Amino acid sequence: MKAIFKRAVPYADDAMNLPVADVDAAIPYYEKTFGFRVMSRKDEPHKSVVLARDEIQIGLAENGGDPTQEGCFFEVDNIEAAFAEIKGKPPADSDFRIDMHGETSLRVFFEVAPDGLCYMMGQRQP
């Protein structure tokens, strides 16, 4: 069973302009780990790529930004399935934590990409 990625929310400004040092080197990780596919590429004003999966899109760009200060929250419909896809193993209860965002409770886990971008996957809890 695969998770459905429902929403991407950037930590800072723009989920379509996430900084990486090398777009071409980053793409295989996102395809293999997250199941993204390449939608488009551009070379101007800087090299960039748009990646998509289910209901979300993100963009990686060689824009000179610091990837260790960026990333996204991905809302998923099934946190256990998302964990198994991304981490390559079944989850244990200790792999998750509960975060509160306003009135919303989310069961979450994190993945740091080799490029330094950090992603939080979360599923709303009743």
PDB file of N, CA and C in Angstrom:
ATOM      1  N   MET A   1       0.842  -1.182   0.000  1.00  0.00           N
ATOM      2  CA  MET A   1       0.000   0.000   0.000  1.00  0.00           C
ATOM      3  C   MET A   1       0.887   1.246   0.000  1.00  0.00           C
ATOM      4  N   LYS A   2       0.548   2.208  -0.840  1.00  0.00           N
ATOM      5  CA  LYS A   2       1.298   3.456  -0.917  1.00  0.00           C
ATOM      6  C   LYS A   2       0.506   4.570  -0.271  1.00  0.00           C
ATOM      7  N   ALA A   3       1.233   5.494   0.330  1.00  0.00           N
ATOM      8  CA  ALA A   3       0.604   6.680   0.902  1.00  0.00           C
ATOM      9  C   ALA A   3       0.266   7.660  -0.209  1.00  0.00           C
ATOM     10  N   ILE A   4      -0.741   8.470   0.026  1.00  0.00           N
ATOM     11  CA  ILE A   4      -1.070   9.574  -0.877  1.00  0.00           C
ATOM     12  C   ILE A   4      -0.534  10.846  -0.247  1.00  0.00           C
ATOM     13  N   PHE A   5       0.298  11.555  -0.995  1.00  0.00           N
ATOM     14  CA  PHE A   5       0.829  12.842  -0.542  1.00  0.00           C
ATOM     15  C   PHE A   5      -0.188  13.904  -0.917  1.00  0.00           C
ATOM     16  N   LYS A   6      -0.773  14.567   0.098  1.00  0.00           N
ATOM     17  CA  LYS A   6      -1.915  15.455  -0.105  1.00  0.00           C
ATOM     18  C   LYS A   6      -1.560  16.932  -0.159  1.00  0.00           C
ATOM     19  N   ARG A   7      -0.476  17.317   0.523  1.00  0.00           N
ATOM     20  CA  ARG A   7      -0.181  18.753   0.632  1.00  0.00           C
ATOM     21  C   ARG A   7       1.289  18.935   0.954  1.00  0.00           C
ATOM     22  N   ALA A   8       1.900  19.963   0.355  1.00  0.00           N
ATOM     23  CA  ALA A   8       3.294  20.325   0.652  1.00  0.00           C
ATOM     24  C   ALA A   8       3.310  21.760   1.156  1.00  0.00           C
ATOM     25  N   VAL A   9       3.877  21.953   2.352  1.00  0.00           N
ATOM     26  CA  VAL A   9       3.968  23.281   2.956  1.00  0.00           C
ATOM     27  C   VAL A   9       5.437  23.570   3.247  1.00  0.00           C
ATOM     28  N   PRO A  10       5.990  24.628   2.644  1.00  0.00           N
ATOM     29  CA  PRO A  10       7.417  24.920   2.874  1.00  0.00           C
ATOM     30  C   PRO A  10       7.658  25.429   4.285  1.00  0.00           C
ATOM     31  N   TYR A  11       8.859  25.149   4.818  1.00  0.00           N
ATOM     32  CA  TYR A  11       9.227  25.690   6.130  1.00  0.00           C
ATOM     33  C   TYR A  11       9.450  27.191   6.041  1.00  0.00           C
ATOM     34  N   ALA A  12       9.995  27.654   4.920  1.00  0.00           N
ATOM     35  CA  ALA A  12      10.286  29.092   4.770  1.00  0.00           C
ATOM     36  C   ALA A  12       9.363  29.674   3.705  1.00  0.00           C
ATOM     37  N   ASP A  13       9.927  30.008   2.548  1.00  0.00           N
ATOM     38  CA  ASP A  13       9.171  30.793   1.581  1.00  0.00           C
ATOM     39  C   ASP A  13       8.436  30.023   0.495  1.00  0.00           C
ATOM     40  N   ASP A  14       9.105  29.044  -0.133  1.00  0.00           N
ATOM     41  CA  ASP A  14       8.589  28.566  -1.403  1.00  0.00           C
ATOM     42  C   ASP A  14       8.934  27.097  -1.634  1.00  0.00           C
ATOM     43  N   ALA A  15       7.926  26.234  -1.655  1.00  0.00           N
ATOM     44  CA  ALA A  15       8.140  24.808  -1.911  1.00  0.00           C
ATOM     45  C   ALA A  15       8.571  24.543  -3.346  1.00  0.00           C
ATOM     46  N   MET A  16       8.447  25.540  -4.212  1.00  0.00           N
ATOM     47  CA  MET A  16       8.834  25.388  -5.608  1.00  0.00           C
ATOM     48  C   MET A  16      10.239  25.909  -5.880  1.00  0.00           C
ATOM     49  N   ASN A  17      10.965  26.292  -4.825  1.00  0.00           N
ATOM     50  CA  ASN A  17      12.295  26.882  -4.993  1.00  0.00           C
ATOM     51  C   ASN A  17      13.223  26.417  -3.862  1.00  0.00           C
ATOM     52  N   LEU A  18      13.195  25.112  -3.562  1.00  0.00           N
ATOM     53  CA  LEU A  18      14.007  24.560  -2.478  1.00  0.00           C
ATOM     54  C   LEU A  18      15.460  24.480  -2.930  1.00  0.00           C
ATOM     55  N   PRO A  19      16.396  25.015  -2.141  1.00  0.00           N
ATOM     56  CA  PRO A  19      17.783  25.102  -2.584  1.00  0.00           C
ATOM     57  C   PRO A  19      18.543  23.774  -2.502  1.00  0.00           C
ATOM     58  N   VAL A  20      19.244  23.454  -3.586  1.00  0.00           N
ATOM     59  CA  VAL A  20      20.168  22.323  -3.628  1.00  0.00           C
ATOM     60  C   VAL A  20      21.431  22.763  -4.359  1.00  0.00           C
ATOM     61  N   ALA A  21      22.542  22.097  -4.089  1.00  0.00           N
ATOM     62  CA  ALA A  21      23.801  22.436  -4.753  1.00  0.00           C
ATOM     63  C   ALA A  21      23.816  21.941  -6.200  1.00  0.00           C
ATOM     64  N   ASP A  22      23.178  20.760  -6.452  1.00  0.00           N
ATOM     65  CA  ASP A  22      23.229  20.154  -7.781  1.00  0.00           C
ATOM     66  C   ASP A  22      21.890  19.464  -8.058  1.00  0.00           C
ATOM     67  N   VAL A  23      21.082  20.076  -8.909  1.00  0.00           N
ATOM     68  CA  VAL A  23      19.755  19.542  -9.235  1.00  0.00           C
ATOM     69  C   VAL A  23      19.855  18.133  -9.813  1.00  0.00           C
ATOM     70  N   ASP A  24      20.740  17.947 -10.788  1.00  0.00           N
ATOM     71  CA  ASP A  24      20.841  16.641 -11.452  1.00  0.00           C
ATOM     72  C   ASP A  24      21.251  15.531 -10.483  1.00  0.00           C
ATOM     73  N   ALA A  25      22.132  15.844  -9.548  1.00  0.00           N
ATOM     74  CA  ALA A  25      22.555  14.848  -8.553  1.00  0.00           C
ATOM     75  C   ALA A  25      21.439  14.546  -7.550  1.00  0.00           C
ATOM     76  N   ALA A  26      20.564  15.514  -7.286  1.00  0.00           N
ATOM     77  CA  ALA A  26      19.490  15.340  -6.295  1.00  0.00           C
ATOM     78  C   ALA A  26      18.320  14.515  -6.817  1.00  0.00           C
ATOM     79  N   ILE A  27      18.021  14.612  -8.095  1.00  0.00           N
ATOM     80  CA  ILE A  27      16.805  14.001  -8.658  1.00  0.00           C
ATOM     81  C   ILE A  27      16.671  12.502  -8.348  1.00  0.00           C
ATOM     82  N   PRO A  28      17.689  11.665  -8.560  1.00  0.00           N
ATOM     83  CA  PRO A  28      17.506  10.223  -8.313  1.00  0.00           C
ATOM     84  C   PRO A  28      17.054   9.894  -6.887  1.00  0.00           C
ATOM     85  N   TYR A  29      17.552  10.624  -5.902  1.00  0.00           N
ATOM     86  CA  TYR A  29      17.130  10.396  -4.521  1.00  0.00           C
ATOM     87  C   TYR A  29      15.629  10.642  -4.368  1.00  0.00           C
ATOM     88  N   TYR A  30      15.131  11.735  -4.923  1.00  0.00           N
ATOM     89  CA  TYR A  30      13.710  12.083  -4.797  1.00  0.00           C
ATOM     90  C   TYR A  30      12.822  11.096  -5.552  1.00  0.00           C
ATOM     91  N   GLU A  31      13.300  10.598  -6.677  1.00  0.00           N
ATOM     92  CA  GLU A  31      12.536   9.595  -7.424  1.00  0.00           C
ATOM     93  C   GLU A  31      12.484   8.284  -6.649  1.00  0.00           C
ATOM     94  N   LYS A  32      13.624   7.836  -6.146  1.00  0.00           N
ATOM     95  CA  LYS A  32      13.698   6.538  -5.453  1.00  0.00           C
ATOM     96  C   LYS A  32      13.062   6.585  -4.069  1.00  0.00           C
ATOM     97  N   THR A  33      13.379   7.611  -3.286  1.00  0.00           N
ATOM     98  CA  THR A  33      12.947   7.657  -1.888  1.00  0.00           C
ATOM     99  C   THR A  33      11.502   8.105  -1.728  1.00  0.00           C
ATOM    100  N   PHE A  34      11.114   9.144  -2.436  1.00  0.00           N
ATOM    101  CA  PHE A  34       9.774   9.719  -2.282  1.00  0.00           C
ATOM    102  C   PHE A  34       8.798   9.318  -3.387  1.00  0.00           C
ATOM    103  N   GLY A  35       9.290   8.739  -4.468  1.00  0.00           N
ATOM    104  CA  GLY A  35       8.402   8.387  -5.577  1.00  0.00           C
ATOM    105  C   GLY A  35       8.004   9.575  -6.434  1.00  0.00           C
ATOM    106  N   PHE A  36       8.782  10.654  -6.398  1.00  0.00           N
ATOM    107  CA  PHE A  36       8.499  11.803  -7.248  1.00  0.00           C
ATOM    108  C   PHE A  36       8.871  11.476  -8.687  1.00  0.00           C
ATOM    109  N   ARG A  37       8.280  12.209  -9.618  1.00  0.00           N
ATOM    110  CA  ARG A  37       8.667  12.130 -11.022  1.00  0.00           C
ATOM    111  C   ARG A  37       8.942  13.545 -11.527  1.00  0.00           C
ATOM    112  N   VAL A  38       9.834  13.661 -12.480  1.00  0.00           N
ATOM    113  CA  VAL A  38      10.198  14.959 -13.046  1.00  0.00           C
ATOM    114  C   VAL A  38       9.072  15.447 -13.948  1.00  0.00           C
ATOM    115  N   MET A  39       8.603  16.665 -13.688  1.00  0.00           N
ATOM    116  CA  MET A  39       7.551  17.276 -14.501  1.00  0.00           C
ATOM    117  C   MET A  39       8.123  18.271 -15.508  1.00  0.00           C
ATOM    118  N   SER A  40       9.131  19.030 -15.073  1.00  0.00           N
ATOM    119  CA  SER A  40       9.750  20.007 -15.980  1.00  0.00           C
ATOM    120  C   SER A  40      11.109  20.407 -15.443  1.00  0.00           C
ATOM    121  N   ARG A  41      11.927  20.965 -16.341  1.00  0.00           N
ATOM    122  CA  ARG A  41      13.262  21.459 -15.986  1.00  0.00           C
ATOM    123  C   ARG A  41      13.442  22.828 -16.624  1.00  0.00           C
ATOM    124  N   LYS A  42      14.262  23.658 -15.952  1.00  0.00           N
ATOM    125  CA  LYS A  42      14.624  24.970 -16.497  1.00  0.00           C
ATOM    126  C   LYS A  42      16.093  25.237 -16.193  1.00  0.00           C
ATOM    127  N   ASP A  43      16.714  26.033 -17.037  1.00  0.00           N
ATOM    128  CA  ASP A  43      18.098  26.454 -16.821  1.00  0.00           C
ATOM    129  C   ASP A  43      18.202  27.921 -16.423  1.00  0.00           C
ATOM    130  N   GLU A  44      17.133  28.692 -16.602  1.00  0.00           N
ATOM    131  CA  GLU A  44      17.140  30.132 -16.291  1.00  0.00           C
ATOM    132  C   GLU A  44      15.992  30.460 -15.351  1.00  0.00           C
ATOM    133  N   PRO A  45      16.108  31.361 -14.381  1.00  0.00           N
ATOM    134  CA  PRO A  45      17.295  32.154 -14.081  1.00  0.00           C
ATOM    135  C   PRO A  45      18.401  31.334 -13.418  1.00  0.00           C
ATOM    136  N   HIS A  46      18.071  30.103 -12.974  1.00  0.00           N
ATOM    137  CA  HIS A  46      19.063  29.160 -12.469  1.00  0.00           C
ATOM    138  C   HIS A  46      18.507  27.763 -12.750  1.00  0.00           C
ATOM    139  N   LYS A  47      19.369  26.776 -12.698  1.00  0.00           N
ATOM    140  CA  LYS A  47      18.953  25.407 -12.974  1.00  0.00           C
ATOM    141  C   LYS A  47      17.929  24.966 -11.930  1.00  0.00           C
ATOM    142  N   SER A  48      16.808  24.398 -12.399  1.00  0.00           N
ATOM    143  CA  SER A  48      15.763  23.958 -11.474  1.00  0.00           C
ATOM    144  C   SER A  48      14.956  22.825 -12.097  1.00  0.00           C
ATOM    145  N   VAL A  49      14.218  22.135 -11.234  1.00  0.00           N
ATOM    146  CA  VAL A  49      13.368  21.031 -11.666  1.00  0.00           C
ATOM    147  C   VAL A  49      12.091  21.059 -10.828  1.00  0.00           C
ATOM    148  N   VAL A  50      10.979  20.705 -11.446  1.00  0.00           N
ATOM    149  CA  VAL A  50       9.711  20.534 -10.734  1.00  0.00           C
ATOM    150  C   VAL A  50       9.453  19.036 -10.630  1.00  0.00           C
ATOM    151  N   LEU A  51       9.208  18.570  -9.412  1.00  0.00           N
ATOM    152  CA  LEU A  51       8.926  17.170  -9.127  1.00  0.00           C
ATOM    153  C   LEU A  51       7.489  17.049  -8.628  1.00  0.00           C
ATOM    154  N   ALA A  52       6.814  15.948  -8.991  1.00  0.00           N
ATOM    155  CA  ALA A  52       5.422  15.771  -8.579  1.00  0.00           C
ATOM    156  C   ALA A  52       5.176  14.345  -8.106  1.00  0.00           C
ATOM    157  N   ARG A  53       4.214  14.256  -7.206  1.00  0.00           N
ATOM    158  CA  ARG A  53       3.708  12.974  -6.735  1.00  0.00           C
ATOM    159  C   ARG A  53       2.303  13.219  -6.203  1.00  0.00           C
ATOM    160  N   ASP A  54       1.370  12.382  -6.583  1.00  0.00           N
ATOM    161  CA  ASP A  54      -0.015  12.483  -6.104  1.00  0.00           C
ATOM    162  C   ASP A  54      -0.530  13.905  -6.269  1.00  0.00           C
ATOM    163  N   GLU A  55      -0.861  14.558  -5.163  1.00  0.00           N
ATOM    164  CA  GLU A  55      -1.477  15.882  -5.215  1.00  0.00           C
ATOM    165  C   GLU A  55      -0.494  17.019  -4.952  1.00  0.00           C
ATOM    166  N   ILE A  56       0.820  16.733  -4.921  1.00  0.00           N
ATOM    167  CA  ILE A  56       1.781  17.778  -4.576  1.00  0.00           C
ATOM    168  C   ILE A  56       2.858  17.951  -5.635  1.00  0.00           C
ATOM    169  N   GLN A  57       3.458  19.130  -5.617  1.00  0.00           N
ATOM    170  CA  GLN A  57       4.638  19.427  -6.417  1.00  0.00           C
ATOM    171  C   GLN A  57       5.620  20.175  -5.542  1.00  0.00           C
ATOM    172  N   ILE A  58       6.913  19.917  -5.790  1.00  0.00           N
ATOM    173  CA  ILE A  58       7.984  20.701  -5.176  1.00  0.00           C
ATOM    174  C   ILE A  58       8.966  21.071  -6.271  1.00  0.00           C
ATOM    175  N   GLY A  59       9.764  22.084  -6.007  1.00  0.00           N
ATOM    176  CA  GLY A  59      10.797  22.477  -6.946  1.00  0.00           C
ATOM    177  C   GLY A  59      12.148  22.511  -6.263  1.00  0.00           C
ATOM    178  N   LEU A  60      13.160  21.969  -6.926  1.00  0.00           N
ATOM    179  CA  LEU A  60      14.535  22.041  -6.455  1.00  0.00           C
ATOM    180  C   LEU A  60      15.271  23.012  -7.354  1.00  0.00           C
ATOM    181  N   ALA A  61      16.110  23.872  -6.764  1.00  0.00           N
ATOM    182  CA  ALA A  61      16.779  24.905  -7.553  1.00  0.00           C
ATOM    183  C   ALA A  61      18.192  25.149  -7.060  1.00  0.00           C
ATOM    184  N   GLU A  62      19.094  25.365  -7.992  1.00  0.00           N
ATOM    185  CA  GLU A  62      20.469  25.763  -7.686  1.00  0.00           C
ATOM    186  C   GLU A  62      20.475  27.285  -7.533  1.00  0.00           C
ATOM    187  N   ASN A  63      19.866  27.763  -6.441  1.00  0.00           N
ATOM    188  CA  ASN A  63      19.634  29.197  -6.253  1.00  0.00           C
ATOM    189  C   ASN A  63      20.559  29.837  -5.225  1.00  0.00           C
ATOM    190  N   GLY A  64      21.535  29.093  -4.725  1.00  0.00           N
ATOM    191  CA  GLY A  64      22.478  29.644  -3.758  1.00  0.00           C
ATOM    192  C   GLY A  64      21.986  29.640  -2.323  1.00  0.00           C
ATOM    193  N   GLY A  65      20.765  29.142  -2.078  1.00  0.00           N
ATOM    194  CA  GLY A  65      20.222  29.077  -0.725  1.00  0.00           C
ATOM    195  C   GLY A  65      20.860  27.973   0.090  1.00  0.00           C
ATOM    196  N   ASP A  66      20.606  27.994   1.394  1.00  0.00           N
ATOM    197  CA  ASP A  66      21.149  27.011   2.322  1.00  0.00           C
ATOM    198  C   ASP A  66      20.124  25.895   2.544  1.00  0.00           C
ATOM    199  N   PRO A  67      20.348  24.711   1.976  1.00  0.00           N
ATOM    200  CA  PRO A  67      19.377  23.633   2.134  1.00  0.00           C
ATOM    201  C   PRO A  67      19.192  23.182   3.580  1.00  0.00           C
ATOM    202  N   THR A  68      20.183  23.396   4.440  1.00  0.00           N
ATOM    203  CA  THR A  68      20.041  22.968   5.835  1.00  0.00           C
ATOM    204  C   THR A  68      19.056  23.843   6.595  1.00  0.00           C
ATOM    205  N   GLN A  69      18.598  24.922   5.985  1.00  0.00           N
ATOM    206  CA  GLN A  69      17.634  25.819   6.609  1.00  0.00           C
ATOM    207  C   GLN A  69      16.268  25.739   5.924  1.00  0.00           C
ATOM    208  N   GLU A  70      16.063  24.745   5.095  1.00  0.00           N
ATOM    209  CA  GLU A  70      14.837  24.632   4.304  1.00  0.00           C
ATOM    210  C   GLU A  70      14.300  23.215   4.311  1.00  0.00           C
ATOM    211  N   GLY A  71      13.110  23.066   3.761  1.00  0.00           N
ATOM    212  CA  GLY A  71      12.444  21.788   3.615  1.00  0.00           C
ATOM    213  C   GLY A  71      10.960  22.000   3.520  1.00  0.00           C
ATOM    214  N   CYS A  72      10.207  20.913   3.665  1.00  0.00           N
ATOM    215  CA  CYS A  72       8.750  20.973   3.550  1.00  0.00           C
ATOM    216  C   CYS A  72       8.094  20.013   4.533  1.00  0.00           C
ATOM    217  N   PHE A  73       6.862  20.330   4.858  1.00  0.00           N
ATOM    218  CA  PHE A  73       5.963  19.400   5.534  1.00  0.00           C
ATOM    219  C   PHE A  73       5.104  18.777   4.447  1.00  0.00           C
ATOM    220  N   PHE A  74       5.035  17.442   4.420  1.00  0.00           N
ATOM    221  CA  PHE A  74       4.162  16.728   3.502  1.00  0.00           C
ATOM    222  C   PHE A  74       3.041  16.080   4.304  1.00  0.00           C
ATOM    223  N   GLU A  75       1.811  16.474   4.032  1.00  0.00           N
ATOM    224  CA  GLU A  75       0.665  15.803   4.652  1.00  0.00           C
ATOM    225  C   GLU A  75       0.349  14.559   3.835  1.00  0.00           C
ATOM    226  N   VAL A  76       0.241  13.424   4.527  1.00  0.00           N
ATOM    227  CA  VAL A  76      -0.048  12.149   3.875  1.00  0.00           C
ATOM    228  C   VAL A  76      -1.320  11.542   4.458  1.00  0.00           C
ATOM    229  N   ASP A  77      -1.907  10.613   3.717  1.00  0.00           N
ATOM    230  CA  ASP A  77      -3.134   9.969   4.193  1.00  0.00           C
ATOM    231  C   ASP A  77      -2.853   8.754   5.063  1.00  0.00           C
ATOM    232  N   ASN A  78      -1.620   8.210   4.997  1.00  0.00           N
ATOM    233  CA  ASN A  78      -1.284   7.004   5.747  1.00  0.00           C
ATOM    234  C   ASN A  78       0.189   7.094   6.163  1.00  0.00           C
ATOM    235  N   ILE A  79       0.426   7.464   7.396  1.00  0.00           N
ATOM    236  CA  ILE A  79       1.786   7.720   7.869  1.00  0.00           C
ATOM    237  C   ILE A  79       2.625   6.442   7.914  1.00  0.00           C
ATOM    238  N   GLU A  80       2.013   5.302   8.239  1.00  0.00           N
ATOM    239  CA  GLU A  80       2.756   4.049   8.269  1.00  0.00           C
ATOM    240  C   GLU A  80       3.221   3.657   6.869  1.00  0.00           C
ATOM    241  N   ALA A  81       2.358   3.802   5.879  1.00  0.00           N
ATOM    242  CA  ALA A  81       2.722   3.484   4.498  1.00  0.00           C
ATOM    243  C   ALA A  81       3.802   4.437   4.001  1.00  0.00           C
ATOM    244  N   ALA A  82       3.700   5.716   4.334  1.00  0.00           N
ATOM    245  CA  ALA A  82       4.713   6.699   3.927  1.00  0.00           C
ATOM    246  C   ALA A  82       6.069   6.333   4.534  1.00  0.00           C
ATOM    247  N   PHE A  83       6.080   5.954   5.804  1.00  0.00           N
ATOM    248  CA  PHE A  83       7.327   5.566   6.467  1.00  0.00           C
ATOM    249  C   PHE A  83       7.962   4.365   5.757  1.00  0.00           C
ATOM    250  N   ALA A  84       7.163   3.334   5.494  1.00  0.00           N
ATOM    251  CA  ALA A  84       7.685   2.125   4.855  1.00  0.00           C
ATOM    252  C   ALA A  84       8.260   2.437   3.470  1.00  0.00           C
ATOM    253  N   GLU A  85       7.581   3.301   2.713  1.00  0.00           N
ATOM    254  CA  GLU A  85       8.090   3.688   1.386  1.00  0.00           C
ATOM    255  C   GLU A  85       9.415   4.426   1.497  1.00  0.00           C
ATOM    256  N   ILE A  86       9.471   5.411   2.361  1.00  0.00           N
ATOM    257  CA  ILE A  86      10.622   6.317   2.439  1.00  0.00           C
ATOM    258  C   ILE A  86      11.808   5.671   3.149  1.00  0.00           C
ATOM    259  N   LYS A  87      11.545   4.984   4.251  1.00  0.00           N
ATOM    260  CA  LYS A  87      12.629   4.389   5.045  1.00  0.00           C
ATOM    261  C   LYS A  87      12.982   2.971   4.610  1.00  0.00           C
ATOM    262  N   GLY A  88      12.094   2.329   3.831  1.00  0.00           N
ATOM    263  CA  GLY A  88      12.384   0.990   3.338  1.00  0.00           C
ATOM    264  C   GLY A  88      12.230  -0.113   4.361  1.00  0.00           C
ATOM    265  N   LYS A  89      11.480   0.158   5.426  1.00  0.00           N
ATOM    266  CA  LYS A  89      11.243  -0.862   6.457  1.00  0.00           C
ATOM    267  C   LYS A  89       9.936  -0.532   7.169  1.00  0.00           C
ATOM    268  N   PRO A  90       9.318  -1.528   7.805  1.00  0.00           N
ATOM    269  CA  PRO A  90       8.095  -1.255   8.560  1.00  0.00           C
ATOM    270  C   PRO A  90       8.404  -0.356   9.762  1.00  0.00           C
ATOM    271  N   PRO A  91       7.472   0.527  10.111  1.00  0.00           N
ATOM    272  CA  PRO A  91       7.716   1.423  11.244  1.00  0.00           C
ATOM    273  C   PRO A  91       7.446   0.756  12.584  1.00  0.00           C
ATOM    274  N   ALA A  92       8.122   1.274  13.592  1.00  0.00           N
ATOM    275  CA  ALA A  92       7.817   0.952  14.989  1.00  0.00           C
ATOM    276  C   ALA A  92       7.139   2.179  15.585  1.00  0.00           C
ATOM    277  N   ASP A  93       6.406   2.000  16.667  1.00  0.00           N
ATOM    278  CA  ASP A  93       5.745   3.151  17.297  1.00  0.00           C
ATOM    279  C   ASP A  93       6.745   4.254  17.651  1.00  0.00           C
ATOM    280  N   SER A  94       7.965   3.858  18.009  1.00  0.00           N
ATOM    281  CA  SER A  94       8.976   4.838  18.409  1.00  0.00           C
ATOM    282  C   SER A  94       9.508   5.670  17.235  1.00  0.00           C
ATOM    283  N   ASP A  95       9.156   5.300  16.006  1.00  0.00           N
ATOM    284  CA  ASP A  95       9.583   6.058  14.832  1.00  0.00           C
ATOM    285  C   ASP A  95       8.759   7.319  14.616  1.00  0.00           C
ATOM    286  N   PHE A  96       7.656   7.460  15.359  1.00  0.00           N
ATOM    287  CA  PHE A  96       6.748   8.586  15.188  1.00  0.00           C
ATOM    288  C   PHE A  96       6.672   9.428  16.459  1.00  0.00           C
ATOM    289  N   ARG A  97       6.246  10.661  16.287  1.00  0.00           N
ATOM    290  CA  ARG A  97       5.900  11.504  17.430  1.00  0.00           C
ATOM    291  C   ARG A  97       4.619  12.250  17.068  1.00  0.00           C
ATOM    292  N   ILE A  98       3.984  12.805  18.081  1.00  0.00           N
ATOM    293  CA  ILE A  98       2.777  13.601  17.874  1.00  0.00           C
ATOM    294  C   ILE A  98       3.148  15.077  18.009  1.00  0.00           C
ATOM    295  N   ASP A  99       2.824  15.860  16.989  1.00  0.00           N
ATOM    296  CA  ASP A  99       3.033  17.313  17.004  1.00  0.00           C
ATOM    297  C   ASP A  99       1.679  18.004  16.957  1.00  0.00           C
ATOM    298  N   MET A 100       1.586  19.107  17.644  1.00  0.00           N
ATOM    299  CA  MET A 100       0.385  19.943  17.593  1.00  0.00           C
ATOM    300  C   MET A 100       0.684  21.186  16.766  1.00  0.00           C
ATOM    301  N   HIS A 101      -0.180  21.486  15.833  1.00  0.00           N
ATOM    302  CA  HIS A 101      -0.099  22.715  15.042  1.00  0.00           C
ATOM    303  C   HIS A 101      -1.453  23.387  15.176  1.00  0.00           C
ATOM    304  N   GLY A 102      -1.520  24.369  16.087  1.00  0.00           N
ATOM    305  CA  GLY A 102      -2.806  24.978  16.404  1.00  0.00           C
ATOM    306  C   GLY A 102      -3.699  23.938  17.046  1.00  0.00           C
ATOM    307  N   GLU A 103      -4.849  23.725  16.463  1.00  0.00           N
ATOM    308  CA  GLU A 103      -5.820  22.740  16.965  1.00  0.00           C
ATOM    309  C   GLU A 103      -5.614  21.354  16.347  1.00  0.00           C
ATOM    310  N   THR A 104      -4.667  21.233  15.422  1.00  0.00           N
ATOM    311  CA  THR A 104      -4.478  19.994  14.674  1.00  0.00           C
ATOM    312  C   THR A 104      -3.366  19.137  15.286  1.00  0.00           C
ATOM    313  N   SER A 105      -3.704  17.877  15.526  1.00  0.00           N
ATOM    314  CA  SER A 105      -2.734  16.899  16.024  1.00  0.00           C
ATOM    315  C   SER A 105      -2.248  16.077  14.837  1.00  0.00           C
ATOM    316  N   LEU A 106      -0.914  15.942  14.721  1.00  0.00           N
ATOM    317  CA  LEU A 106      -0.316  15.209  13.611  1.00  0.00           C
ATOM    318  C   LEU A 106       0.648  14.147  14.124  1.00  0.00           C
ATOM    319  N   ARG A 107       0.578  12.967  13.560  1.00  0.00           N
ATOM    320  CA  ARG A 107       1.570  11.914  13.816  1.00  0.00           C
ATOM    321  C   ARG A 107       2.622  12.077  12.725  1.00  0.00           C
ATOM    322  N   VAL A 108       3.893  12.267  13.117  1.00  0.00           N
ATOM    323  CA  VAL A 108       4.914  12.680  12.152  1.00  0.00           C
ATOM    324  C   VAL A 108       6.206  11.865  12.271  1.00  0.00           C
ATOM    325  N   PHE A 109       6.994  11.928  11.186  1.00  0.00           N
ATOM    326  CA  PHE A 109       8.388  11.482  11.186  1.00  0.00           C
ATOM    327  C   PHE A 109       9.148  12.370  10.212  1.00  0.00           C
ATOM    328  N   PHE A 110      10.479  12.292  10.260  1.00  0.00           N
ATOM    329  CA  PHE A 110      11.339  13.180   9.475  1.00  0.00           C
ATOM    330  C   PHE A 110      12.265  12.389   8.565  1.00  0.00           C
ATOM    331  N   GLU A 111      12.637  13.017   7.474  1.00  0.00           N
ATOM    332  CA  GLU A 111      13.631  12.475   6.543  1.00  0.00           C
ATOM    333  C   GLU A 111      14.502  13.642   6.093  1.00  0.00           C
ATOM    334  N   VAL A 112      15.824  13.498   6.263  1.00  0.00           N
ATOM    335  CA  VAL A 112      16.762  14.507   5.786  1.00  0.00           C
ATOM    336  C   VAL A 112      17.399  13.971   4.513  1.00  0.00           C
ATOM    337  N   ALA A 113      17.232  14.718   3.425  1.00  0.00           N
ATOM    338  CA  ALA A 113      17.778  14.324   2.130  1.00  0.00           C
ATOM    339  C   ALA A 113      19.294  14.512   2.118  1.00  0.00           C
ATOM    340  N   PRO A 114      20.000  13.793   1.249  1.00  0.00           N
ATOM    341  CA  PRO A 114      21.451  13.972   1.145  1.00  0.00           C
ATOM    342  C   PRO A 114      21.855  15.412   0.818  1.00  0.00           C
ATOM    343  N   ASP A 115      20.969  16.157   0.177  1.00  0.00           N
ATOM    344  CA  ASP A 115      21.264  17.559  -0.159  1.00  0.00           C
ATOM    345  C   ASP A 115      21.111  18.492   1.038  1.00  0.00           C
ATOM    346  N   GLY A 116      20.621  17.965   2.176  1.00  0.00           N
ATOM    347  CA  GLY A 116      20.481  18.759   3.390  1.00  0.00           C
ATOM    348  C   GLY A 116      19.070  19.238   3.677  1.00  0.00           C
ATOM    349  N   LEU A 117      18.171  19.144   2.714  1.00  0.00           N
ATOM    350  CA  LEU A 117      16.781  19.551   2.944  1.00  0.00           C
ATOM    351  C   LEU A 117      16.118  18.564   3.905  1.00  0.00           C
ATOM    352  N   CYS A 118      15.293  19.082   4.809  1.00  0.00           N
ATOM    353  CA  CYS A 118      14.609  18.258   5.805  1.00  0.00           C
ATOM    354  C   CYS A 118      13.114  18.217   5.491  1.00  0.00           C
ATOM    355  N   TYR A 119      12.544  17.035   5.561  1.00  0.00           N
ATOM    356  CA  TYR A 119      11.120  16.854   5.281  1.00  0.00           C
ATOM    357  C   TYR A 119      10.434  16.216   6.476  1.00  0.00           C
ATOM    358  N   MET A 120       9.261  16.736   6.796  1.00  0.00           N
ATOM    359  CA  MET A 120       8.429  16.166   7.849  1.00  0.00           C
ATOM    360  C   MET A 120       7.173  15.620   7.173  1.00  0.00           C
ATOM    361  N   MET A 121       6.916  14.329   7.351  1.00  0.00           N
ATOM    362  CA  MET A 121       5.699  13.712   6.874  1.00  0.00           C
ATOM    363  C   MET A 121       4.735  13.626   8.043  1.00  0.00           C
ATOM    364  N   GLY A 122       3.468  13.932   7.803  1.00  0.00           N
ATOM    365  CA  GLY A 122       2.513  13.879   8.890  1.00  0.00           C
ATOM    366  C   GLY A 122       1.120  13.488   8.444  1.00  0.00           C
ATOM    367  N   GLN A 123       0.409  12.836   9.356  1.00  0.00           N
ATOM    368  CA  GLN A 123      -0.989  12.462   9.133  1.00  0.00           C
ATOM    369  C   GLN A 123      -1.812  13.041  10.269  1.00  0.00           C
ATOM    370  N   ARG A 124      -2.911  13.685   9.908  1.00  0.00           N
ATOM    371  CA  ARG A 124      -3.810  14.246  10.920  1.00  0.00           C
ATOM    372  C   ARG A 124      -4.358  13.145  11.795  1.00  0.00           C
ATOM    373  N   GLN A 125      -4.488  13.442  13.090  1.00  0.00           N
ATOM    374  CA  GLN A 125      -5.006  12.480  14.056  1.00  0.00           C
ATOM    375  C   GLN A 125      -6.361  12.953  14.554  1.00  0.00           C
ATOM    376  N   PRO A 126      -7.267  12.001  14.875  1.00  0.00           N
ATOM    377  CA  PRO A 126      -8.594  12.410  15.371  1.00  0.00           C
ATOM    378  C   PRO A 126      -8.507  13.079  16.735  1.00  0.00           C
TER     379      PRO A 126
END
